[in-house]
Amino acid sequence: MYQKVNRSEVLNKMGHVYERFQFLSKTRSLTDDQIEDIDQHLSRIIEVLNQPTY
């Protein structure tokens, strides 16, 4: 079942992702595959954010 998501929840998740990525970058190496996977997901998010609204 679809559940409506509000903007503050999305912003909180994005903040958590940023903090977690920063922490992991300082404490352990991420594999090239992990970095590529993260980059692909972020690229898709950017595409969605850059879509024009009508």
PDB file of N, CA and C in Angstrom:
ATOM      1  N   MET A   1       0.841  -1.176   0.000  1.00  0.00           N
ATOM      2  CA  MET A   1       0.000   0.000   0.000  1.00  0.00           C
ATOM      3  C   MET A   1       0.892   1.247   0.000  1.00  0.00           C
ATOM      4  N   TYR A   2       0.553   2.217  -0.812  1.00  0.00           N
ATOM      5  CA  TYR A   2       1.307   3.461  -0.909  1.00  0.00           C
ATOM      6  C   TYR A   2       1.028   4.346   0.297  1.00  0.00           C
ATOM      7  N   GLN A   3       2.104   4.892   0.847  1.00  0.00           N
ATOM      8  CA  GLN A   3       1.963   5.802   1.979  1.00  0.00           C
ATOM      9  C   GLN A   3       2.549   7.152   1.578  1.00  0.00           C
ATOM     10  N   LYS A   4       1.817   8.214   1.820  1.00  0.00           N
ATOM     11  CA  LYS A   4       2.276   9.549   1.461  1.00  0.00           C
ATOM     12  C   LYS A   4       3.509   9.916   2.290  1.00  0.00           C
ATOM     13  N   VAL A   5       4.491  10.487   1.622  1.00  0.00           N
ATOM     14  CA  VAL A   5       5.731  10.904   2.272  1.00  0.00           C
ATOM     15  C   VAL A   5       5.765  12.426   2.256  1.00  0.00           C
ATOM     16  N   ASN A   6       6.123  13.021   3.390  1.00  0.00           N
ATOM     17  CA  ASN A   6       6.179  14.483   3.387  1.00  0.00           C
ATOM     18  C   ASN A   6       7.611  14.972   3.183  1.00  0.00           C
ATOM     19  N   ARG A   7       7.741  16.225   2.839  1.00  0.00           N
ATOM     20  CA  ARG A   7       9.039  16.803   2.470  1.00  0.00           C
ATOM     21  C   ARG A   7      10.056  16.758   3.593  1.00  0.00           C
ATOM     22  N   SER A   8       9.620  16.987   4.817  1.00  0.00           N
ATOM     23  CA  SER A   8      10.586  16.990   5.918  1.00  0.00           C
ATOM     24  C   SER A   8      11.182  15.601   6.134  1.00  0.00           C
ATOM     25  N   GLU A   9      10.388  14.549   5.889  1.00  0.00           N
ATOM     26  CA  GLU A   9      10.920  13.187   5.988  1.00  0.00           C
ATOM     27  C   GLU A   9      12.002  12.951   4.938  1.00  0.00           C
ATOM     28  N   VAL A  10      11.759  13.433   3.727  1.00  0.00           N
ATOM     29  CA  VAL A  10      12.740  13.277   2.655  1.00  0.00           C
ATOM     30  C   VAL A  10      14.014  14.043   2.997  1.00  0.00           C
ATOM     31  N   LEU A  11      13.870  15.270   3.480  1.00  0.00           N
ATOM     32  CA  LEU A  11      15.044  16.058   3.854  1.00  0.00           C
ATOM     33  C   LEU A  11      15.822  15.400   4.988  1.00  0.00           C
ATOM     34  N   ASN A  12      15.124  14.831   5.955  1.00  0.00           N
ATOM     35  CA  ASN A  12      15.797  14.124   7.044  1.00  0.00           C
ATOM     36  C   ASN A  12      16.581  12.932   6.523  1.00  0.00           C
ATOM     37  N   LYS A  13      15.992  12.191   5.595  1.00  0.00           N
ATOM     38  CA  LYS A  13      16.689  11.043   5.004  1.00  0.00           C
ATOM     39  C   LYS A  13      17.930  11.494   4.242  1.00  0.00           C
ATOM     40  N   MET A  14      17.802  12.582   3.484  1.00  0.00           N
ATOM     41  CA  MET A  14      18.943  13.096   2.725  1.00  0.00           C
ATOM     42  C   MET A  14      20.060  13.539   3.663  1.00  0.00           C
ATOM     43  N   GLY A  15      19.687  14.164   4.773  1.00  0.00           N
ATOM     44  CA  GLY A  15      20.678  14.569   5.767  1.00  0.00           C
ATOM     45  C   GLY A  15      21.373  13.369   6.378  1.00  0.00           C
ATOM     46  N   HIS A  16      20.599  12.326   6.658  1.00  0.00           N
ATOM     47  CA  HIS A  16      21.175  11.107   7.224  1.00  0.00           C
ATOM     48  C   HIS A  16      22.145  10.461   6.231  1.00  0.00           C
ATOM     49  N   VAL A  17      21.768  10.427   4.958  1.00  0.00           N
ATOM     50  CA  VAL A  17      22.638   9.855   3.926  1.00  0.00           C
ATOM     51  C   VAL A  17      23.953  10.625   3.868  1.00  0.00           C
ATOM     52  N   TYR A  18      23.879  11.949   3.885  1.00  0.00           N
ATOM     53  CA  TYR A  18      25.084  12.780   3.841  1.00  0.00           C
ATOM     54  C   TYR A  18      25.990  12.502   5.041  1.00  0.00           C
ATOM     55  N   GLU A  19      25.406  12.492   6.235  1.00  0.00           N
ATOM     56  CA  GLU A  19      26.190  12.251   7.449  1.00  0.00           C
ATOM     57  C   GLU A  19      26.807  10.856   7.443  1.00  0.00           C
ATOM     58  N   ARG A  20      26.037   9.861   7.026  1.00  0.00           N
ATOM     59  CA  ARG A  20      26.530   8.483   6.996  1.00  0.00           C
ATOM     60  C   ARG A  20      27.658   8.330   5.984  1.00  0.00           C
ATOM     61  N   PHE A  21      27.509   8.941   4.823  1.00  0.00           N
ATOM     62  CA  PHE A  21      28.548   8.872   3.798  1.00  0.00           C
ATOM     63  C   PHE A  21      29.830   9.537   4.296  1.00  0.00           C
ATOM     64  N   GLN A  22      29.693  10.685   4.928  1.00  0.00           N
ATOM     65  CA  GLN A  22      30.864  11.368   5.486  1.00  0.00           C
ATOM     66  C   GLN A  22      31.559  10.489   6.516  1.00  0.00           C
ATOM     67  N   PHE A  23      30.805   9.907   7.424  1.00  0.00           N
ATOM     68  CA  PHE A  23      31.358   9.050   8.471  1.00  0.00           C
ATOM     69  C   PHE A  23      32.085   7.854   7.866  1.00  0.00           C
ATOM     70  N   LEU A  24      31.430   7.170   6.930  1.00  0.00           N
ATOM     71  CA  LEU A  24      32.044   5.987   6.328  1.00  0.00           C
ATOM     72  C   LEU A  24      33.283   6.343   5.519  1.00  0.00           C
ATOM     73  N   SER A  25      33.284   7.503   4.891  1.00  0.00           N
ATOM     74  CA  SER A  25      34.447   7.929   4.114  1.00  0.00           C
ATOM     75  C   SER A  25      35.661   8.161   5.007  1.00  0.00           C
ATOM     76  N   LYS A  26      35.423   8.563   6.239  1.00  0.00           N
ATOM     77  CA  LYS A  26      36.522   8.832   7.170  1.00  0.00           C
ATOM     78  C   LYS A  26      36.972   7.585   7.922  1.00  0.00           C
ATOM     79  N   THR A  27      36.069   6.633   8.143  1.00  0.00           N
ATOM     80  CA  THR A  27      36.389   5.502   9.009  1.00  0.00           C
ATOM     81  C   THR A  27      36.737   4.222   8.262  1.00  0.00           C
ATOM     82  N   ARG A  28      36.302   4.085   7.026  1.00  0.00           N
ATOM     83  CA  ARG A  28      36.658   2.891   6.252  1.00  0.00           C
ATOM     84  C   ARG A  28      36.508   3.181   4.769  1.00  0.00           C
ATOM     85  N   SER A  29      37.173   2.373   3.993  1.00  0.00           N
ATOM     86  CA  SER A  29      37.087   2.538   2.550  1.00  0.00           C
ATOM     87  C   SER A  29      35.791   1.950   2.026  1.00  0.00           C
ATOM     88  N   LEU A  30      35.201   2.645   1.108  1.00  0.00           N
ATOM     89  CA  LEU A  30      34.060   2.104   0.379  1.00  0.00           C
ATOM     90  C   LEU A  30      34.611   1.496  -0.909  1.00  0.00           C
ATOM     91  N   THR A  31      34.042   0.385  -1.327  1.00  0.00           N
ATOM     92  CA  THR A  31      34.515  -0.247  -2.559  1.00  0.00           C
ATOM     93  C   THR A  31      34.100   0.590  -3.763  1.00  0.00           C
ATOM     94  N   ASP A  32      34.779   0.355  -4.869  1.00  0.00           N
ATOM     95  CA  ASP A  32      34.418   1.058  -6.103  1.00  0.00           C
ATOM     96  C   ASP A  32      32.976   0.754  -6.498  1.00  0.00           C
ATOM     97  N   ASP A  33      32.551  -0.491  -6.288  1.00  0.00           N
ATOM     98  CA  ASP A  33      31.167  -0.860  -6.606  1.00  0.00           C
ATOM     99  C   ASP A  33      30.172  -0.087  -5.744  1.00  0.00           C
ATOM    100  N   GLN A  34      30.495   0.085  -4.462  1.00  0.00           N
ATOM    101  CA  GLN A  34      29.612   0.834  -3.569  1.00  0.00           C
ATOM    102  C   GLN A  34      29.531   2.299  -3.996  1.00  0.00           C
ATOM    103  N   ILE A  35      30.674   2.879  -4.322  1.00  0.00           N
ATOM    104  CA  ILE A  35      30.705   4.281  -4.762  1.00  0.00           C
ATOM    105  C   ILE A  35      29.901   4.440  -6.050  1.00  0.00           C
ATOM    106  N   GLU A  36      30.074   3.504  -6.980  1.00  0.00           N
ATOM    107  CA  GLU A  36      29.333   3.570  -8.239  1.00  0.00           C
ATOM    108  C   GLU A  36      27.830   3.444  -8.008  1.00  0.00           C
ATOM    109  N   ASP A  37      27.438   2.547  -7.127  1.00  0.00           N
ATOM    110  CA  ASP A  37      26.017   2.360  -6.812  1.00  0.00           C
ATOM    111  C   ASP A  37      25.425   3.626  -6.193  1.00  0.00           C
ATOM    112  N   ILE A  38      26.143   4.207  -5.252  1.00  0.00           N
ATOM    113  CA  ILE A  38      25.699   5.456  -4.615  1.00  0.00           C
ATOM    114  C   ILE A  38      25.581   6.559  -5.661  1.00  0.00           C
ATOM    115  N   ASP A  39      26.574   6.659  -6.533  1.00  0.00           N
ATOM    116  CA  ASP A  39      26.571   7.694  -7.564  1.00  0.00           C
ATOM    117  C   ASP A  39      25.380   7.540  -8.504  1.00  0.00           C
ATOM    118  N   GLN A  40      25.056   6.306  -8.881  1.00  0.00           N
ATOM    119  CA  GLN A  40      23.910   6.077  -9.766  1.00  0.00           C
ATOM    120  C   GLN A  40      22.602   6.511  -9.104  1.00  0.00           C
ATOM    121  N   HIS A  41      22.447   6.187  -7.837  1.00  0.00           N
ATOM    122  CA  HIS A  41      21.229   6.586  -7.128  1.00  0.00           C
ATOM    123  C   HIS A  41      21.143   8.109  -6.997  1.00  0.00           C
ATOM    124  N   LEU A  42      22.263   8.739  -6.677  1.00  0.00           N
ATOM    125  CA  LEU A  42      22.260  10.198  -6.556  1.00  0.00           C
ATOM    126  C   LEU A  42      21.981  10.865  -7.899  1.00  0.00           C
ATOM    127  N   SER A  43      22.506  10.298  -8.970  1.00  0.00           N
ATOM    128  CA  SER A  43      22.235  10.846 -10.303  1.00  0.00           C
ATOM    129  C   SER A  43      20.747  10.785 -10.617  1.00  0.00           C
ATOM    130  N   ARG A  44      20.105   9.704 -10.246  1.00  0.00           N
ATOM    131  CA  ARG A  44      18.655   9.565 -10.475  1.00  0.00           C
ATOM    132  C   ARG A  44      17.875  10.585  -9.644  1.00  0.00           C
ATOM    133  N   ILE A  45      18.301  10.785  -8.396  1.00  0.00           N
ATOM    134  CA  ILE A  45      17.648  11.784  -7.538  1.00  0.00           C
ATOM    135  C   ILE A  45      17.777  13.172  -8.163  1.00  0.00           C
ATOM    136  N   ILE A  46      18.964  13.489  -8.667  1.00  0.00           N
ATOM    137  CA  ILE A  46      19.192  14.792  -9.288  1.00  0.00           C
ATOM    138  C   ILE A  46      18.308  14.955 -10.520  1.00  0.00           C
ATOM    139  N   GLU A  47      18.175  13.888 -11.320  1.00  0.00           N
ATOM    140  CA  GLU A  47      17.282  13.942 -12.486  1.00  0.00           C
ATOM    141  C   GLU A  47      15.857  14.298 -12.063  1.00  0.00           C
ATOM    142  N   VAL A  48      15.372  13.644 -11.029  1.00  0.00           N
ATOM    143  CA  VAL A  48      14.009  13.900 -10.547  1.00  0.00           C
ATOM    144  C   VAL A  48      13.883  15.341 -10.072  1.00  0.00           C
ATOM    145  N   LEU A  49      14.873  15.821  -9.329  1.00  0.00           N
ATOM    146  CA  LEU A  49      14.814  17.184  -8.806  1.00  0.00           C
ATOM    147  C   LEU A  49      14.880  18.234  -9.912  1.00  0.00           C
ATOM    148  N   ASN A  50      15.532  17.903 -11.017  1.00  0.00           N
ATOM    149  CA  ASN A  50      15.682  18.861 -12.114  1.00  0.00           C
ATOM    150  C   ASN A  50      14.548  18.809 -13.129  1.00  0.00           C
ATOM    151  N   GLN A  51      13.597  17.913 -12.937  1.00  0.00           N
ATOM    152  CA  GLN A  51      12.465  17.845 -13.859  1.00  0.00           C
ATOM    153  C   GLN A  51      11.611  19.098 -13.706  1.00  0.00           C
ATOM    154  N   PRO A  52      11.194  19.656 -14.848  1.00  0.00           N
ATOM    155  CA  PRO A  52      10.333  20.845 -14.753  1.00  0.00           C
ATOM    156  C   PRO A  52       8.975  20.481 -14.157  1.00  0.00           C
ATOM    157  N   THR A  53       8.414  21.411 -13.446  1.00  0.00           N
ATOM    158  CA  THR A  53       7.068  21.219 -12.908  1.00  0.00           C
ATOM    159  C   THR A  53       6.108  22.075 -13.714  1.00  0.00           C
ATOM    160  N   TYR A  54       4.978  21.520 -14.010  1.00  0.00           N
ATOM    161  CA  TYR A  54       3.985  22.234 -14.833  1.00  0.00           C
ATOM    162  C   TYR A  54       2.753  22.519 -14.041  1.00  0.00           C
TER     163      TYR A  54
END
